[in-house]
Amino acid sequence: MGIYSIKDLEHLSGIKAHTIRIWEQRHNLFTPQRTDTNIRFYSDEDLKLILNISLLKNHGIKISKIVQMTSEQLNQEVASLGEDERLNEDQINALTVAMLDMNEGLFNSIISTNQKKIGFEKTITDIIYPFFRKIGILWVSSSINPAQEHFISHLVRQRIMVETAKLDAVENSETFLLFLPEGELHEIGLLFANYLLRAKGHNTIYLGQSVPLKDVEEIFHNISPDYLFTVATSKPNQNKVVDFINDLERKFKKTTVFITGSQVLSLDIELPKNLQLIHTFQELDSILSQAHIS
């Protein structure tokens, strides 16, 4: 069970803590529990309730009406919004509920609805990535079970792989070799980069998670790709990421290496000339549109 402070509820729902306290007192919406040290906290059910209330309020339903709904009526009202044009924040809140409930059907419904309306790429950049930033808040507050994050990450990975499989390989096009550094298991960014590259008509060779650099070097010399692409989210750590960058510069001196991820984006150093830092996927899309690559 998750344990949430009232500030967690505020950050995740967008509803001010002061307002939550008023609703708690006036409408008896929540019954906070207390730790052994008498600190108030809220449960998964409280978080789901405040997220659903946020969804309904964003669609003009007054709190006075919401508090009169049974749990079943509330869930039905939220589900009925699935066919409407909803704000991105609503979608992100709904994904959070799907994660907490481990509800694969709800996840698929949210993604499919958005995919039809705004396309797969914008669903990932405008819905999924902001959602994962929100998950980061949950991690910081130690509020979610790792199994919940693994569950939702697996579904996102699966969806990206399905969409990538629909793209035909392009012969006689420039080749990108994609890999994650040794120990790095956060694969979604690399998978989406692989999808974007394929969608733009490039050939890709996908090595995936935790690949020792000596193995990348061996494959590089065997197939001679035009570019390398890697993401450093948690590995190498800050003490070793500069060594990793220097190794990339030394081993692939004549090849452009695209690199992104929080470990390198937070660095305040000048990268070697053959390394190109990618800040956003929109930036990657722009680079791929340049004449010398596309």
Protein backbone atom coordinates (compact mmCIF):
# COMPACT_ATOMS: atom_id res chain seq x y z
CA MET A 1 0.00 0.00 0.00
CA GLY A 2 1.23 3.47 -0.89
CA ILE A 3 1.67 6.14 1.75
CA TYR A 4 1.06 9.70 0.56
CA SER A 5 1.35 13.07 2.24
CA ILE A 6 -1.16 15.78 1.43
CA LYS A 7 1.58 17.46 -0.63
CA ASP A 8 1.87 14.26 -2.69
CA LEU A 9 -1.87 14.45 -3.39
CA GLU A 10 -1.49 18.11 -4.38
CA HIS A 11 1.41 17.48 -6.75
CA LEU A 12 -0.21 14.47 -8.38
CA SER A 13 -3.74 15.83 -8.76
CA GLY A 14 -3.14 19.55 -9.23
CA ILE A 15 -5.64 20.30 -6.43
CA LYS A 16 -4.25 22.53 -3.68
CA ALA A 17 -3.63 20.98 -0.27
CA HIS A 18 -5.76 23.71 1.30
CA THR A 19 -8.71 22.69 -0.90
CA ILE A 20 -8.21 19.02 -0.09
CA ARG A 21 -8.34 19.82 3.62
CA ILE A 22 -11.58 21.80 3.17
CA TRP A 23 -13.20 18.92 1.24
CA GLU A 24 -12.01 16.52 3.91
CA GLN A 25 -13.65 18.56 6.67
CA ARG A 26 -16.76 19.69 4.80
CA HIS A 27 -17.62 16.58 2.81
CA ASN A 28 -15.83 13.84 4.76
CA LEU A 29 -14.20 12.66 1.53
CA PHE A 30 -11.08 11.24 3.15
CA THR A 31 -10.19 9.64 6.44
CA PRO A 32 -6.41 10.08 6.76
CA GLN A 33 -4.52 7.54 8.80
CA ARG A 34 -1.59 8.29 11.10
CA THR A 35 1.88 6.87 11.44
CA ASP A 36 3.33 5.71 14.75
CA THR A 37 4.76 9.22 15.08
CA ASN A 38 1.27 10.74 14.56
CA ILE A 39 1.93 12.04 11.01
CA ARG A 40 -1.17 12.03 8.77
CA PHE A 41 -0.99 10.04 5.53
CA TYR A 42 -3.29 8.97 2.73
CA SER A 43 -3.79 5.61 0.99
CA ASP A 44 -3.87 4.39 -2.63
CA GLU A 45 -7.66 4.65 -2.51
CA ASP A 46 -7.41 8.29 -1.40
CA LEU A 47 -5.03 9.06 -4.26
CA LYS A 48 -7.30 7.38 -6.82
CA LEU A 49 -10.27 9.31 -5.44
CA ILE A 50 -8.54 12.70 -5.67
CA LEU A 51 -7.32 11.91 -9.20
CA ASN A 52 -10.85 10.98 -10.29
CA ILE A 53 -12.27 14.10 -8.66
CA SER A 54 -9.67 16.15 -10.54
CA LEU A 55 -10.78 14.53 -13.82
CA LEU A 56 -14.43 15.34 -13.21
CA LYS A 57 -13.76 18.89 -12.03
CA ASN A 58 -11.73 19.53 -15.18
CA HIS A 59 -14.91 18.68 -17.08
CA GLY A 60 -17.05 21.15 -15.21
CA ILE A 61 -18.66 18.83 -12.66
CA LYS A 62 -19.04 20.61 -9.34
CA ILE A 63 -17.68 19.13 -6.12
CA SER A 64 -21.17 19.37 -4.60
CA LYS A 65 -22.39 16.89 -7.22
CA ILE A 66 -19.31 14.67 -7.03
CA VAL A 67 -19.64 14.10 -3.28
CA GLN A 68 -23.17 12.79 -3.79
CA MET A 69 -21.95 10.01 -6.13
CA THR A 70 -21.40 6.45 -4.96
CA SER A 71 -18.02 4.87 -5.77
CA GLU A 72 -19.64 3.00 -8.65
CA GLN A 73 -21.24 6.15 -10.06
CA LEU A 74 -17.95 8.02 -9.75
CA ASN A 75 -16.08 5.30 -11.65
CA GLN A 76 -18.76 5.19 -14.35
CA GLU A 77 -18.64 8.96 -14.78
CA VAL A 78 -14.85 8.88 -15.13
CA ALA A 79 -15.02 5.97 -17.59
CA SER A 80 -17.53 7.88 -19.73
CA LEU A 81 -14.95 10.62 -20.23
CA GLY A 82 -12.85 8.17 -22.25
CA GLU A 83 -14.73 9.09 -25.42
CA ASP A 84 -14.37 12.83 -24.89
CA GLU A 85 -11.57 15.18 -25.93
CA ARG A 86 -9.71 15.37 -22.62
CA LEU A 87 -6.76 17.42 -21.44
CA ASN A 88 -3.32 15.78 -21.32
CA GLU A 89 -3.29 16.16 -17.55
CA ASP A 90 -6.50 14.15 -17.39
CA GLN A 91 -4.88 11.38 -19.41
CA ILE A 92 -1.85 11.38 -17.13
CA ASN A 93 -4.05 11.14 -14.05
CA ALA A 94 -5.97 8.26 -15.62
CA LEU A 95 -2.70 6.45 -16.37
CA THR A 96 -1.69 6.90 -12.73
CA VAL A 97 -4.92 5.22 -11.68
CA ALA A 98 -4.29 2.40 -14.20
CA MET A 99 -0.84 1.91 -12.66
CA LEU A 100 -2.09 1.89 -9.07
CA ASP A 101 -4.87 -0.58 -9.95
CA MET A 102 -2.60 -2.56 -12.32
CA ASN A 103 -5.43 -2.24 -14.83
CA GLU A 104 -4.15 -3.25 -18.27
CA GLY A 105 -7.56 -2.71 -19.90
CA LEU A 106 -7.69 0.91 -18.72
CA PHE A 107 -4.12 1.50 -19.90
CA ASN A 108 -4.89 0.12 -23.37
CA SER A 109 -8.08 2.18 -23.61
CA ILE A 110 -6.26 5.41 -22.73
CA ILE A 111 -3.41 4.80 -25.17
CA SER A 112 -5.66 3.63 -28.03
CA THR A 113 -7.99 6.62 -27.63
CA ASN A 114 -5.10 9.08 -27.71
CA GLN A 115 -3.38 7.28 -30.55
CA LYS A 116 -6.47 7.70 -32.73
CA LYS A 117 -6.74 11.39 -31.89
CA ILE A 118 -3.17 12.66 -31.87
CA GLY A 119 -1.08 9.81 -33.31
CA PHE A 120 1.41 7.46 -31.69
CA GLU A 121 4.39 9.83 -31.52
CA LYS A 122 2.48 12.62 -29.74
CA THR A 123 0.89 10.06 -27.41
CA ILE A 124 4.39 9.11 -26.27
CA THR A 125 5.84 12.64 -26.10
CA ASP A 126 2.77 14.46 -24.74
CA ILE A 127 1.18 11.78 -22.54
CA ILE A 128 3.57 8.95 -21.67
CA TYR A 129 6.70 10.98 -20.92
CA PRO A 130 4.94 13.53 -18.68
CA PHE A 131 3.31 10.54 -16.97
CA PHE A 132 6.73 9.05 -16.22
CA ARG A 133 7.84 12.40 -14.79
CA LYS A 134 4.85 12.17 -12.47
CA ILE A 135 5.90 8.63 -11.52
CA GLY A 136 9.22 10.21 -10.55
CA ILE A 137 7.40 12.19 -7.85
CA LEU A 138 5.93 8.96 -6.55
CA TRP A 139 9.38 7.38 -6.44
CA VAL A 140 10.84 10.33 -4.55
CA SER A 141 8.10 10.08 -1.93
CA SER A 142 8.51 6.26 -1.79
CA SER A 143 4.80 6.03 -2.53
CA ILE A 144 4.62 3.35 -5.20
CA ASN A 145 5.55 -0.30 -5.14
CA PRO A 146 8.30 -1.13 -7.66
CA ALA A 147 5.95 -3.78 -9.07
CA GLN A 148 3.51 -1.04 -10.08
CA GLU A 149 6.21 0.83 -11.98
CA HIS A 150 7.41 -2.40 -13.61
CA PHE A 151 3.84 -3.24 -14.62
CA ILE A 152 3.20 0.06 -16.39
CA SER A 153 6.70 0.22 -17.91
CA HIS A 154 6.21 -3.25 -19.39
CA LEU A 155 2.95 -2.15 -21.03
CA VAL A 156 4.60 0.96 -22.51
CA ARG A 157 7.56 -1.08 -23.81
CA GLN A 158 5.16 -3.60 -25.30
CA ARG A 159 3.15 -0.88 -27.08
CA ILE A 160 6.28 0.75 -28.57
CA MET A 161 7.56 -2.61 -29.80
CA VAL A 162 4.22 -3.41 -31.43
CA GLU A 163 4.20 -0.08 -33.28
CA THR A 164 7.84 -0.50 -34.31
CA ALA A 165 7.13 -3.97 -35.70
CA LYS A 166 4.64 -2.39 -38.11
CA LEU A 167 7.45 -0.43 -39.76
CA ASP A 168 9.26 -2.16 -42.59
CA ALA A 169 13.05 -2.23 -42.61
CA VAL A 170 14.50 0.08 -45.25
CA GLU A 171 17.30 -1.25 -47.41
CA ASN A 172 20.21 0.96 -48.49
CA SER A 173 19.50 3.59 -45.83
CA GLU A 174 21.76 4.95 -43.12
CA THR A 175 22.16 2.59 -40.17
CA PHE A 176 21.92 3.47 -36.47
CA LEU A 177 23.30 1.10 -33.83
CA LEU A 178 21.31 1.52 -30.60
CA PHE A 179 22.40 0.28 -27.17
CA LEU A 180 22.25 1.01 -23.45
CA PRO A 181 25.42 1.21 -21.33
CA GLU A 182 26.38 -1.74 -19.16
CA GLY A 183 24.07 -1.91 -16.14
CA GLU A 184 21.44 0.40 -17.70
CA LEU A 185 17.97 -1.20 -17.76
CA HIS A 186 15.72 1.82 -18.45
CA GLU A 187 14.83 0.93 -22.02
CA ILE A 188 11.79 3.01 -22.98
CA GLY A 189 13.76 6.01 -24.29
CA LEU A 190 15.91 3.79 -26.49
CA LEU A 191 12.88 1.87 -27.76
CA PHE A 192 11.14 5.10 -28.72
CA ALA A 193 14.27 6.41 -30.44
CA ASN A 194 14.36 3.15 -32.39
CA TYR A 195 10.72 3.69 -33.41
CA LEU A 196 11.38 7.30 -34.51
CA LEU A 197 14.41 6.30 -36.56
CA ARG A 198 12.48 3.52 -38.31
CA ALA A 199 9.51 5.83 -38.89
CA LYS A 200 11.85 8.32 -40.59
CA GLY A 201 13.09 5.64 -42.97
CA HIS A 202 16.39 4.72 -41.32
CA ASN A 203 17.76 1.25 -40.72
CA THR A 204 18.37 0.34 -37.08
CA ILE A 205 20.22 -2.40 -35.24
CA TYR A 206 18.83 -2.62 -31.72
CA LEU A 207 21.09 -4.15 -29.06
CA GLY A 208 18.96 -3.16 -26.05
CA GLN A 209 19.80 -3.15 -22.35
CA SER A 210 23.13 -3.34 -20.54
CA VAL A 211 25.63 -3.86 -23.36
CA PRO A 212 29.35 -3.79 -22.45
CA LEU A 213 31.15 -1.20 -24.55
CA LYS A 214 33.68 -3.79 -25.76
CA ASP A 215 30.78 -5.74 -27.31
CA VAL A 216 29.44 -2.59 -28.97
CA GLU A 217 32.92 -1.93 -30.34
CA GLU A 218 33.16 -5.45 -31.78
CA ILE A 219 29.76 -5.20 -33.48
CA PHE A 220 30.61 -1.71 -34.72
CA HIS A 221 33.71 -2.97 -36.51
CA ASN A 222 31.78 -5.89 -38.00
CA ILE A 223 28.85 -3.94 -39.48
CA SER A 224 30.18 -0.34 -39.73
CA PRO A 225 26.98 1.58 -38.82
CA ASP A 226 26.70 5.24 -39.78
CA TYR A 227 25.67 6.41 -36.31
CA LEU A 228 25.43 5.22 -32.70
CA PHE A 229 22.64 6.07 -30.29
CA THR A 230 22.67 5.54 -26.52
CA VAL A 231 20.77 6.65 -23.41
CA ALA A 232 22.30 7.01 -19.93
CA THR A 233 19.47 7.30 -17.39
CA SER A 234 20.90 5.65 -14.29
CA LYS A 235 24.16 4.09 -15.54
CA PRO A 236 26.99 4.93 -15.62
CA ASN A 237 26.61 6.91 -12.39
CA GLN A 238 27.82 10.50 -12.14
CA ASN A 239 31.26 9.38 -11.00
CA LYS A 240 31.79 7.30 -14.14
CA VAL A 241 29.69 8.96 -16.83
CA VAL A 242 32.59 11.20 -17.94
CA ASP A 243 34.75 8.09 -18.38
CA PHE A 244 31.96 6.57 -20.48
CA ILE A 245 31.81 9.70 -22.65
CA ASN A 246 35.58 9.68 -23.12
CA ASP A 247 35.47 6.00 -24.10
CA LEU A 248 32.81 6.77 -26.72
CA GLU A 249 34.96 9.55 -28.11
CA ARG A 250 38.07 7.37 -28.20
CA LYS A 251 36.54 4.18 -29.58
CA PHE A 252 34.25 5.80 -32.19
CA LYS A 253 36.24 8.90 -33.05
CA LYS A 254 35.08 9.14 -36.68
CA THR A 255 31.41 8.33 -36.01
CA THR A 256 28.64 10.58 -34.69
CA VAL A 257 27.29 9.24 -31.39
CA PHE A 258 23.87 10.57 -30.35
CA ILE A 259 23.50 10.50 -26.57
CA THR A 260 20.76 11.48 -24.13
CA GLY A 261 19.49 10.61 -20.65
CA SER A 262 19.52 12.32 -17.26
CA GLN A 263 23.10 11.30 -16.46
CA VAL A 264 24.50 13.29 -19.39
CA LEU A 265 21.87 16.04 -19.59
CA SER A 266 22.84 17.14 -16.07
CA LEU A 267 26.54 17.44 -16.90
CA ASP A 268 28.10 20.87 -17.27
CA ILE A 269 30.91 19.91 -19.64
CA GLU A 270 31.71 20.36 -23.30
CA LEU A 271 31.17 17.07 -25.11
CA PRO A 272 33.71 15.69 -27.59
CA LYS A 273 33.08 16.72 -31.19
CA ASN A 274 31.78 13.32 -32.28
CA LEU A 275 29.11 13.21 -29.53
CA GLN A 276 25.82 15.01 -30.10
CA LEU A 277 23.59 15.61 -27.08
CA ILE A 278 19.84 15.13 -27.58
CA HIS A 279 17.69 17.08 -25.10
CA THR A 280 14.23 16.08 -26.36
CA PHE A 281 12.69 13.71 -28.88
CA GLN A 282 11.45 16.77 -30.78
CA GLU A 283 15.10 17.77 -31.12
CA LEU A 284 15.95 14.31 -32.45
CA ASP A 285 13.10 14.61 -34.95
CA SER A 286 14.52 17.95 -36.12
CA ILE A 287 18.01 16.48 -36.50
CA LEU A 288 16.65 13.56 -38.52
CA SER A 289 15.05 16.04 -40.90
CA GLN A 290 18.43 17.54 -41.78
CA ALA A 291 19.61 16.78 -45.28
CA HIS A 292 22.76 14.89 -44.32
CA ILE A 293 20.77 12.35 -42.26
CA SER A 294 17.43 12.08 -44.02
